[in-house]
Amino acid sequence: MTKNKPTSQKNSRIYWLLQVIGWSSIIFIETINYTFFIVGEFQWAYLQQFFLYSLVGLIVSHVYKSVFIKLDVFEKSLSRIWIRAIFDVGMITLIMVILLYLPYIVTDFSNIRKSEFWIPFFGQIMNLGRYAIVWIIIYYLYHILKKNSEISEQKLLFENVAKSAELELLKNQLNPHFLFNALNSIKALVLIDQEKARDAIIKLSELLRFTLNYEKAPLIALNEEINEVIKYLELEQIRFGKRLDVHISLEEETLDLKVPPAMVLTLAENAIKHGITQLPEGGGIWIQSKLRGKNLTLEVINSGQLKSTFNLGIGLQNLQVRLRSLFSDKATFYLDELPNSKVVARITYPIV
C-alpha cells in the first residue's frame, strides 16, 4: 500500500524532529554529568565535544538506517529481529567511535599501537553504546508495533471482505432470476419427463447447499468446484436446450489443485448472464484449466461480445477482492474479447 504524499511528509518531519531531540540529549546529559559529577565545573570544550558526538550520532544512525536496515527485517520472527537489533547497536556505535577517533589515527597512525589509545576507544564504545541502544530500541519498537497494526488491519479487512463475499455470493451467484428460470424449467419437465425433473431438483438442491456452505473452507479441489459448475450448467441447459453448448477441458494434473470455492461458478454464471442470454441463437461455454510452472490458469470462454457499457458487476468485483485477499498481488484476473465473437475470463494464481 502506497502512502499519500502529505502523510509521508508528516512522518518525515516527525522522524527528523525525534532524531534531533534524541541525539541532542547527549549534549544535555553529558554536560550535566561532566559539570556536576566528573569535572566539577562547566567547560565550553566539553560542550563542543558533546555537540560533535550528537551530530555524528544523528548522521550515522540516519545513514545506517537508510542503507542497512530494510523494512523486511520486521517481517521475521521476534527473536531474529532482536538479534539483528543487537548487531545494529554494535555497528552504529563502532562507526560513531571510529569517525570520532579518525583524526587521531590520520594525524599519527602509530597511535593505534598504544594502550592509551585503545582504553578510551573502548570506553567511548561503552559510553556511546547507551545512546545507540536507546535509538535502536525506539526505532525497532516503532516498526514492530506498526507491523502488528498493519497485520491487524489486514486481518480485519480480509474478514470483512470474506463476510461481504459470502453475503454477495448468496445474493448474486444463484440470483432470483436463475432460481425462477430453473424452477420454471423443472415445472415443465414434471409434465414431460418426471425422472429428469427429479434429477434436476436434486442438482438444484445440491447447488444451493454448496453455495450456503462454501465459506467453511477457503480453498477446495478444482474437481469439486467443477462438479458444482456442471450441475449449474446442466440446469441452464434445461432452459436453453440446444442453444447452450458446454465444453470442459481440464488438464489432469490440475484436478486436485486448490481453488477458491464458487470462483469458477461465478465466471460461468457471468458468462450465461452477459453472454448466452444475449444471443437469440445461443452459443457455447468453454471451461479450461492449465498448469504452467507453479501457476494455475482457469479460463471461462463464452460466445458473445463485451458491450461498450459493460462494467464489472458485484460478483466479479468480489472475485477480484477474494483473489487479492488469498494471493495478494500474485493473482491476476483478465476479462477481454477474443476473435470469432468470444469473451474470455481468465484467472491466474500460484498453486497452493
Foldseek 3Di string as FASTA:
>chain_A
DDDDDVVVVVVVVVVVVCLLVLLCVQLVVVQCCCCVPNVVHGDVVVSVVSVLLSVLLSVLVVVCCVPPPDLCLLVDDPVSNVVVLVVQLQVSLLVSLCVVCVVVCVVPVCLVVDPVNVVVSVVSSVVCSVSSSVVSVVVSVVSNVVVVVVVVVLVVVLVVLLVVLLVVCLPPLCHPVNVVLLVVLLVVCVVPPVVVSVVLVVLVVVLNVCSNPLSVDQKFFQLVQVVNLVSSVVSVCSRVPPLEAEAEEEDPVRRGFIDGHCLVSLVSSVCVVVPQVVDPSHWYWYWYWDDDPQKIKIKIKIAAADDPPDDDDPSVVSSVVSCCSVANVQKDWDWHADPPRMIMIMIMHGTD
